[in-house]
Structure formats: C-alpha cells, structure tokens
C-alpha cells in the first residue's frame, strides 16, 4: 500500500481528507501531521519564517514512511513545495490544481480568503499558473470579514455560511477561488451560482495520489489520476 503524508495547520482537515480518500482513493494510506503553530507564526512573521519548521515536519513524514507529502495549508504551501528536493519525495501544495482549473475558466479570477496571510500566496499561484499557459489574468483578492473568528470558535456552519455569502456577492468574474481548504464546504451552499467556484481538497488530494503512484513502482488500488478541470471536479 502506498502512503501519502499530509501536512495540516488545523486538525479539522483530517476527517475531510480521510473522507475524500475513502470516496475516491481507497487504496491510499494517509499519514496526518498537524501543526497549528505553523500558520500562526506564518501569519505574524511571513511564510518564509516557518521554513525550518516545515522542513522538519516534512522530514518527519518521510521518516515515517510517506512516499509523497501534500501540504493542505495555502499560506505555507509554496514553502513546503520548494522544500521537496531537500527531503527526497514529491511535496505538493493542495491548491495548485485548483489554481490551474480556475485559470482555465477565464481571465477574471476572484480569490476569497478568510485569513489575510493566505491572499498573497494564492494570488501569486494563480498568476504563476496563468503564465505557465500563456494567459493574462486579473486577480482580485478579497478577505471574508469575520469568517475566521467563527472558524476559531468552532462554528463550522457559521463559517461556511459567511464564505457562501461572500461567494454570492462576487460580480464580474469568471472564477472564484476559495484560497483555503477549510472553505470548501461553502461551495456546496452555492451550487447554482453564476460564477464557477473552485476549491482545493478533492483535486489536490487526487494530484498527490497520482504523484505517489508515479513515484512508486506500480498502481495502487483505488488511486486515480485527476482528469476533471471544471468546478464540479474541484469542489
């Protein structure tokens, strides 16, 4: 059985990714590593400040048998991704497939976030994916006021409703990107909105599962390569 490590900055992601694994990749073993201090410090001092701690977490994951690692935190995703060559296994950021899909949807992209420190890394990622395919994009970053306080208070439903309200308020856009994995549930509350909504967990996990297989010696049962690029494939 192939093993994928997941680096989280909140324990709420553990059941989400376990559920996605059970539904779409039953042959994949997950090892969860949670360190909430990484996001807290990155928010105060910037993502590069936590690079040594992220490297330590990745080395630990590899030492415990992970054949690839998926970072589910968008704030530190670029830092984790850049450390891949140093730890000897593929290290992926959960939001890259989402960003690529959003760019494919059109040139006007709204990035919604509930933590301000996530905006700059996500905007940079969307712009990077646009350059990769030779497309010009205009990215508009928006912080959903008050939502993060609900998340920290454990009000998952209130958090999702606040994000959903922000989604409904988007105008003049071709795509809405939900910058944090924790925001994905909100897209289910706006199933028929006029603007496609892109979230990271499902396609991020699919890409990581494919990376584990590609890096290994064969195909694990139930591990599939992602092939959907529309919003239904990334929610």
Foldseek 3Di string as FASTA:
>chain_A
DAEEEEEELDPVCVVVLVVLCVVFPVLYHYDYDYHVVQVVVCLVPNLVVCLVVLLVVLLVCVVVHHQEYEYQFLLNQVSQQVCCVVNPHHYHYQCLLLLLLQVVQDAEEEEEEQRVSNQVSSVVSNCVSCVVVVHHHDYHYDHQPPLVVCVVVVNLVSNLVSVLVVVLVDDDGQEYEHRHQSNVVNCVVVVPHPHQYAHGSNLSVLCSLVRSQVSDDHHGPSRDHDDDSGSVRGD
